[in-house]
Each structure stands twice: as structure tokens, then as C-alpha cells.
């Protein structure tokens, strides 16, 4: 549950939230591991700031 909250926070602080969400969705389809998806979200959020 805590990880979901962190993901929400990252998405809400991201200026280009819609592009980020689409990228994450594409990545999540290719990657079965939730941790890898969360890492990708974090990296993308850092990249867009």
C-alpha cells in the first residue's frame, strides 16, 4: 500500500503526468516485477523534473 502512495505522489508531482503514466503503463506490460515498475516510475519522475 505504501508503494502505491509513493507512486501517486511521484505522478502528482510530475509536470508531464500524462506522458509519464503512458510510459509506465507500457513498461508495466513488459515487466512482471512491481519493484521494477516502481523504479521506472521513480527514474522517469526524476528525469522530468
N, C-alpha and C. Protein backbone atom coordinates (compact mmCIF):
# COMPACT_ATOMS: atom_id res chain seq x y z
N UNK A 1 0.83 -1.20 0.00
CA UNK A 1 0.00 0.00 0.00
C UNK A 1 0.87 1.26 0.00
N UNK A 2 1.95 1.22 0.77
CA UNK A 2 2.84 2.37 0.86
C UNK A 2 3.45 2.70 -0.51
N UNK A 3 3.79 1.65 -1.27
CA UNK A 3 4.38 1.85 -2.60
C UNK A 3 3.40 2.54 -3.54
N UNK A 4 2.14 2.16 -3.45
CA UNK A 4 1.12 2.81 -4.29
C UNK A 4 1.04 4.29 -3.97
N UNK A 5 1.11 4.63 -2.70
CA UNK A 5 1.07 6.04 -2.30
C UNK A 5 2.28 6.80 -2.85
N UNK A 6 3.45 6.15 -2.82
CA UNK A 6 4.65 6.78 -3.35
C UNK A 6 4.50 7.02 -4.85
N UNK A 7 3.91 6.05 -5.55
CA UNK A 7 3.70 6.19 -6.99
C UNK A 7 2.76 7.35 -7.28
N UNK A 8 1.69 7.43 -6.51
CA UNK A 8 0.74 8.55 -6.66
C UNK A 8 1.43 9.89 -6.45
N UNK A 9 2.26 9.95 -5.42
CA UNK A 9 2.98 11.18 -5.11
C UNK A 9 3.90 11.57 -6.27
N UNK A 10 4.63 10.59 -6.81
CA UNK A 10 5.53 10.87 -7.92
C UNK A 10 4.75 11.35 -9.13
N UNK A 11 3.64 10.70 -9.42
CA UNK A 11 2.84 11.10 -10.59
C UNK A 11 2.24 12.48 -10.40
N UNK A 12 1.83 12.79 -9.18
CA UNK A 12 1.20 14.09 -8.93
C UNK A 12 2.22 15.23 -8.97
N UNK A 13 3.49 14.93 -8.64
CA UNK A 13 4.50 15.98 -8.66
C UNK A 13 5.12 16.14 -10.04
N UNK A 14 4.83 15.20 -10.91
CA UNK A 14 5.41 15.23 -12.25
C UNK A 14 4.63 16.19 -13.13
N UNK A 15 5.35 17.11 -13.79
CA UNK A 15 4.70 18.10 -14.65
C UNK A 15 4.03 17.43 -15.84
N UNK A 16 4.73 16.48 -16.43
CA UNK A 16 4.20 15.84 -17.62
C UNK A 16 3.57 14.49 -17.25
N UNK A 17 2.57 14.54 -16.39
CA UNK A 17 1.98 13.37 -15.77
C UNK A 17 1.37 12.39 -16.77
N UNK A 18 0.78 12.89 -17.82
CA UNK A 18 0.08 12.00 -18.75
C UNK A 18 1.05 11.18 -19.58
N UNK A 19 2.13 11.81 -20.00
CA UNK A 19 3.17 11.09 -20.73
C UNK A 19 3.82 10.06 -19.81
N UNK A 20 4.09 10.46 -18.59
CA UNK A 20 4.69 9.56 -17.61
C UNK A 20 3.81 8.33 -17.39
N UNK A 21 2.52 8.56 -17.22
CA UNK A 21 1.59 7.46 -16.97
C UNK A 21 1.58 6.49 -18.15
N UNK A 22 1.59 7.04 -19.36
CA UNK A 22 1.58 6.19 -20.55
C UNK A 22 2.86 5.36 -20.64
N UNK A 23 4.00 6.00 -20.35
CA UNK A 23 5.28 5.30 -20.38
C UNK A 23 5.31 4.18 -19.34
N UNK A 24 4.81 4.48 -18.16
CA UNK A 24 4.78 3.49 -17.09
C UNK A 24 3.88 2.31 -17.46
N UNK A 25 2.73 2.62 -18.07
CA UNK A 25 1.81 1.57 -18.48
C UNK A 25 2.46 0.64 -19.51
N UNK A 26 3.17 1.22 -20.46
CA UNK A 26 3.89 0.43 -21.46
C UNK A 26 4.96 -0.43 -20.79
N UNK A 27 5.69 0.16 -19.87
CA UNK A 27 6.76 -0.55 -19.17
C UNK A 27 6.18 -1.67 -18.31
N UNK A 28 5.06 -1.41 -17.66
CA UNK A 28 4.44 -2.40 -16.77
C UNK A 28 3.97 -3.62 -17.56
N UNK A 29 3.54 -3.41 -18.79
CA UNK A 29 3.12 -4.54 -19.64
C UNK A 29 4.28 -5.47 -19.93
N UNK A 30 5.48 -4.88 -20.10
CA UNK A 30 6.66 -5.66 -20.45
C UNK A 30 7.34 -6.28 -19.24
N UNK A 31 7.11 -5.71 -18.06
CA UNK A 31 7.84 -6.13 -16.86
C UNK A 31 6.90 -6.69 -15.79
N UNK A 32 7.08 -7.96 -15.41
CA UNK A 32 6.22 -8.57 -14.40
C UNK A 32 6.50 -8.09 -12.97
N UNK A 33 7.70 -7.61 -12.70
CA UNK A 33 8.08 -7.24 -11.34
C UNK A 33 7.58 -5.85 -10.95
N UNK A 34 6.78 -5.76 -9.87
CA UNK A 34 6.28 -4.45 -9.41
C UNK A 34 7.42 -3.51 -9.01
N UNK A 35 8.46 -4.06 -8.42
CA UNK A 35 9.59 -3.22 -7.99
C UNK A 35 10.26 -2.55 -9.18
N UNK A 36 10.38 -3.28 -10.28
CA UNK A 36 11.00 -2.71 -11.48
C UNK A 36 10.14 -1.58 -12.03
N UNK A 37 8.84 -1.76 -11.97
CA UNK A 37 7.91 -0.72 -12.44
C UNK A 37 8.03 0.53 -11.57
N UNK A 38 8.08 0.33 -10.26
CA UNK A 38 8.20 1.45 -9.32
C UNK A 38 9.53 2.18 -9.55
N UNK A 39 10.59 1.40 -9.78
CA UNK A 39 11.88 2.01 -10.07
C UNK A 39 11.81 2.84 -11.34
N UNK A 40 11.14 2.32 -12.35
CA UNK A 40 10.99 3.04 -13.62
C UNK A 40 10.22 4.34 -13.41
N UNK A 41 9.16 4.29 -12.62
CA UNK A 41 8.37 5.49 -12.32
C UNK A 41 9.25 6.53 -11.64
N UNK A 42 10.03 6.08 -10.68
CA UNK A 42 10.90 6.98 -9.94
C UNK A 42 11.93 7.63 -10.86
N UNK A 43 12.54 6.80 -11.73
CA UNK A 43 13.55 7.33 -12.66
C UNK A 43 12.93 8.32 -13.63
N UNK A 44 11.75 8.00 -14.15
CA UNK A 44 11.08 8.90 -15.09
C UNK A 44 10.68 10.20 -14.41
N UNK A 45 10.22 10.10 -13.17
CA UNK A 45 9.82 11.30 -12.44
C UNK A 45 11.03 12.20 -12.20
N UNK A 46 12.17 11.61 -11.89
CA UNK A 46 13.38 12.40 -11.70
C UNK A 46 13.81 13.05 -13.00
N UNK A 47 13.67 12.31 -14.09
CA UNK A 47 14.10 12.79 -15.41
C UNK A 47 13.29 14.00 -15.86
N UNK A 48 12.01 14.05 -15.49
CA UNK A 48 11.12 15.09 -15.98
C UNK A 48 11.15 16.35 -15.13
N UNK A 49 11.79 16.31 -13.95
CA UNK A 49 11.81 17.50 -13.08
C UNK A 49 12.77 18.55 -13.60
